[in-house]
Amino acid sequence: MQFNCTIEMDNDAFIGTEPLTHPVLEVARILNKLAKDMDGAYIDGDTSWDGYLRDINGNKVGYYKVEGD
């Protein structure tokens, strides 16, 4: 089994040098939300492990998918 994730960091949500706008914090926020969503889906019995990732502004910035057995 393999987890694949791609995040494009070329938009405004990833631009900034202030502590609360650092690109790494936006990636962390996206991955934290994904972890919570996957945890909730697992509890609810959802086994479709793929979807789009969105930045703080609601823009699609990536995709994730679990593949294999």
N, C-alpha and C. Protein backbone atom coordinates (compact mmCIF):
# COMPACT_ATOMS: atom_id res chain seq x y z
N MET A 1 0.85 -1.16 0.00
CA MET A 1 0.00 0.00 0.00
C MET A 1 0.90 1.24 0.00
N GLN A 2 0.43 2.29 -0.68
CA GLN A 2 1.23 3.49 -0.79
C GLN A 2 0.35 4.72 -0.68
N PHE A 3 0.82 5.74 0.04
CA PHE A 3 0.13 7.02 0.15
C PHE A 3 0.88 8.02 -0.72
N ASN A 4 0.17 8.61 -1.69
CA ASN A 4 0.76 9.62 -2.56
C ASN A 4 0.06 10.95 -2.33
N CYS A 5 0.86 12.00 -2.26
CA CYS A 5 0.31 13.33 -2.01
C CYS A 5 1.16 14.36 -2.76
N THR A 6 0.49 15.26 -3.45
CA THR A 6 1.17 16.35 -4.16
C THR A 6 0.50 17.66 -3.77
N ILE A 7 1.32 18.65 -3.44
CA ILE A 7 0.81 19.98 -3.12
C ILE A 7 1.60 21.00 -3.94
N GLU A 8 0.90 21.77 -4.76
CA GLU A 8 1.51 22.85 -5.52
C GLU A 8 1.52 24.10 -4.64
N MET A 9 2.66 24.74 -4.51
CA MET A 9 2.81 25.87 -3.59
C MET A 9 3.06 27.17 -4.34
N ASP A 10 2.39 27.35 -5.49
CA ASP A 10 2.65 28.51 -6.34
C ASP A 10 1.59 29.60 -6.23
N ASN A 11 0.75 29.58 -5.19
CA ASN A 11 -0.26 30.62 -5.11
C ASN A 11 -0.11 31.45 -3.84
N ASP A 12 -1.01 32.41 -3.66
CA ASP A 12 -0.89 33.40 -2.58
C ASP A 12 -0.89 32.79 -1.18
N ALA A 13 -1.53 31.67 -0.98
CA ALA A 13 -1.60 31.07 0.36
C ALA A 13 -0.23 30.64 0.86
N PHE A 14 0.72 30.50 -0.05
CA PHE A 14 2.06 30.02 0.33
C PHE A 14 3.11 31.13 0.28
N ILE A 15 2.68 32.36 0.08
CA ILE A 15 3.61 33.48 -0.01
C ILE A 15 3.59 34.25 1.30
N GLY A 16 4.73 34.52 1.84
CA GLY A 16 4.81 35.32 3.04
C GLY A 16 6.01 34.97 3.88
N THR A 17 6.46 35.95 4.61
CA THR A 17 7.60 35.75 5.49
C THR A 17 7.23 35.97 6.95
N GLU A 18 6.04 36.48 7.19
CA GLU A 18 5.58 36.66 8.56
C GLU A 18 5.34 35.30 9.20
N PRO A 19 5.49 35.20 10.51
CA PRO A 19 5.34 33.90 11.18
C PRO A 19 4.03 33.17 10.88
N LEU A 20 2.94 33.90 10.76
CA LEU A 20 1.64 33.24 10.53
C LEU A 20 1.32 33.04 9.05
N THR A 21 2.21 33.47 8.15
CA THR A 21 1.96 33.29 6.73
C THR A 21 3.06 32.48 6.05
N HIS A 22 3.90 31.85 6.81
CA HIS A 22 5.01 31.08 6.24
C HIS A 22 4.46 29.90 5.45
N PRO A 23 5.04 29.59 4.29
CA PRO A 23 4.56 28.49 3.45
C PRO A 23 4.50 27.14 4.18
N VAL A 24 5.46 26.89 5.05
CA VAL A 24 5.47 25.62 5.78
C VAL A 24 4.24 25.48 6.67
N LEU A 25 3.78 26.59 7.24
CA LEU A 25 2.59 26.54 8.08
C LEU A 25 1.34 26.21 7.27
N GLU A 26 1.28 26.69 6.03
CA GLU A 26 0.13 26.37 5.18
C GLU A 26 0.14 24.88 4.81
N VAL A 27 1.31 24.34 4.51
CA VAL A 27 1.41 22.90 4.24
C VAL A 27 0.99 22.12 5.48
N ALA A 28 1.46 22.53 6.64
CA ALA A 28 1.09 21.84 7.88
C ALA A 28 -0.41 21.91 8.11
N ARG A 29 -1.03 23.05 7.84
CA ARG A 29 -2.47 23.20 8.02
C ARG A 29 -3.23 22.25 7.10
N ILE A 30 -2.80 22.18 5.83
CA ILE A 30 -3.45 21.30 4.85
C ILE A 30 -3.32 19.84 5.28
N LEU A 31 -2.12 19.42 5.68
CA LEU A 31 -1.91 18.03 6.08
C LEU A 31 -2.63 17.70 7.39
N ASN A 32 -2.71 18.65 8.30
CA ASN A 32 -3.45 18.44 9.54
C ASN A 32 -4.92 18.23 9.25
N LYS A 33 -5.49 19.05 8.36
CA LYS A 33 -6.90 18.89 7.98
C LYS A 33 -7.12 17.54 7.31
N LEU A 34 -6.19 17.16 6.43
CA LEU A 34 -6.31 15.85 5.77
C LEU A 34 -6.29 14.72 6.78
N ALA A 35 -5.39 14.79 7.75
CA ALA A 35 -5.31 13.75 8.79
C ALA A 35 -6.63 13.65 9.56
N LYS A 36 -7.20 14.78 9.93
CA LYS A 36 -8.47 14.78 10.65
C LYS A 36 -9.59 14.23 9.79
N ASP A 37 -9.61 14.63 8.51
CA ASP A 37 -10.65 14.15 7.60
C ASP A 37 -10.54 12.63 7.39
N MET A 38 -9.32 12.13 7.23
CA MET A 38 -9.12 10.70 7.03
C MET A 38 -9.49 9.92 8.28
N ASP A 39 -9.16 10.45 9.43
CA ASP A 39 -9.51 9.80 10.69
C ASP A 39 -11.02 9.72 10.83
N GLY A 40 -11.72 10.78 10.55
CA GLY A 40 -13.17 10.79 10.62
C GLY A 40 -13.81 9.87 9.61
N ALA A 41 -13.25 9.83 8.39
CA ALA A 41 -13.79 8.95 7.36
C ALA A 41 -13.61 7.49 7.74
N TYR A 42 -12.48 7.16 8.33
CA TYR A 42 -12.22 5.78 8.75
C TYR A 42 -13.23 5.35 9.81
N ILE A 43 -13.49 6.23 10.75
CA ILE A 43 -14.46 5.93 11.81
C ILE A 43 -15.85 5.73 11.21
N ASP A 44 -16.19 6.50 10.18
CA ASP A 44 -17.50 6.41 9.54
C ASP A 44 -17.59 5.25 8.55
N GLY A 45 -16.48 4.53 8.32
CA GLY A 45 -16.48 3.39 7.41
C GLY A 45 -16.20 3.72 5.97
N ASP A 46 -15.82 4.95 5.68
CA ASP A 46 -15.50 5.36 4.31
C ASP A 46 -14.13 4.81 3.95
N THR A 47 -14.04 4.11 2.82
CA THR A 47 -12.76 3.55 2.40
C THR A 47 -12.25 4.17 1.10
N SER A 48 -12.82 5.27 0.67
CA SER A 48 -12.32 5.95 -0.53
C SER A 48 -11.24 6.93 -0.10
N TRP A 49 -10.01 6.55 -0.28
CA TRP A 49 -8.88 7.33 0.22
C TRP A 49 -8.22 8.14 -0.89
N ASP A 50 -8.98 9.05 -1.49
CA ASP A 50 -8.39 9.96 -2.45
C ASP A 50 -9.23 11.23 -2.49
N GLY A 51 -8.59 12.31 -2.89
CA GLY A 51 -9.31 13.56 -2.97
C GLY A 51 -8.40 14.74 -3.19
N TYR A 52 -9.02 15.89 -3.33
CA TYR A 52 -8.29 17.12 -3.56
C TYR A 52 -7.93 17.79 -2.24
N LEU A 53 -6.84 18.52 -2.27
CA LEU A 53 -6.39 19.31 -1.13
C LEU A 53 -6.60 20.78 -1.46
N ARG A 54 -7.06 21.55 -0.48
CA ARG A 54 -7.36 22.96 -0.71
C ARG A 54 -6.56 23.83 0.26
N ASP A 55 -6.17 25.00 -0.23
CA ASP A 55 -5.45 25.94 0.62
C ASP A 55 -6.43 26.72 1.50
N ILE A 56 -5.92 27.62 2.31
CA ILE A 56 -6.73 28.40 3.24
C ILE A 56 -7.76 29.26 2.50
N ASN A 57 -7.51 29.57 1.23
CA ASN A 57 -8.42 30.37 0.43
C ASN A 57 -9.46 29.53 -0.32
N GLY A 58 -9.39 28.22 -0.17
CA GLY A 58 -10.34 27.33 -0.83
C GLY A 58 -9.94 26.86 -2.20
N ASN A 59 -8.75 27.22 -2.64
CA ASN A 59 -8.27 26.81 -3.97
C ASN A 59 -7.73 25.39 -3.93
N LYS A 60 -7.98 24.63 -5.00
CA LYS A 60 -7.38 23.30 -5.11
C LYS A 60 -5.88 23.46 -5.33
N VAL A 61 -5.10 22.83 -4.47
CA VAL A 61 -3.64 22.94 -4.58
C VAL A 61 -2.96 21.58 -4.63
N GLY A 62 -3.73 20.52 -4.54
CA GLY A 62 -3.10 19.21 -4.55
C GLY A 62 -4.10 18.08 -4.57
N TYR A 63 -3.54 16.89 -4.49
CA TYR A 63 -4.32 15.66 -4.57
C TYR A 63 -3.63 14.60 -3.72
N TYR A 64 -4.42 13.73 -3.12
CA TYR A 64 -3.86 12.61 -2.37
C TYR A 64 -4.60 11.33 -2.75
N LYS A 65 -3.90 10.22 -2.60
CA LYS A 65 -4.51 8.93 -2.93
C LYS A 65 -3.74 7.82 -2.22
N VAL A 66 -4.47 6.87 -1.68
CA VAL A 66 -3.89 5.65 -1.13
C VAL A 66 -4.11 4.56 -2.16
N GLU A 67 -3.03 3.87 -2.53
CA GLU A 67 -3.13 2.86 -3.58
C GLU A 67 -2.57 1.52 -3.08
N GLY A 68 -3.07 0.47 -3.67
CA GLY A 68 -2.57 -0.86 -3.38
C GLY A 68 -3.39 -1.57 -2.31
N ASP A 69 -2.91 -2.75 -1.96
CA ASP A 69 -3.63 -3.59 -0.98
C ASP A 69 -3.14 -3.33 0.43
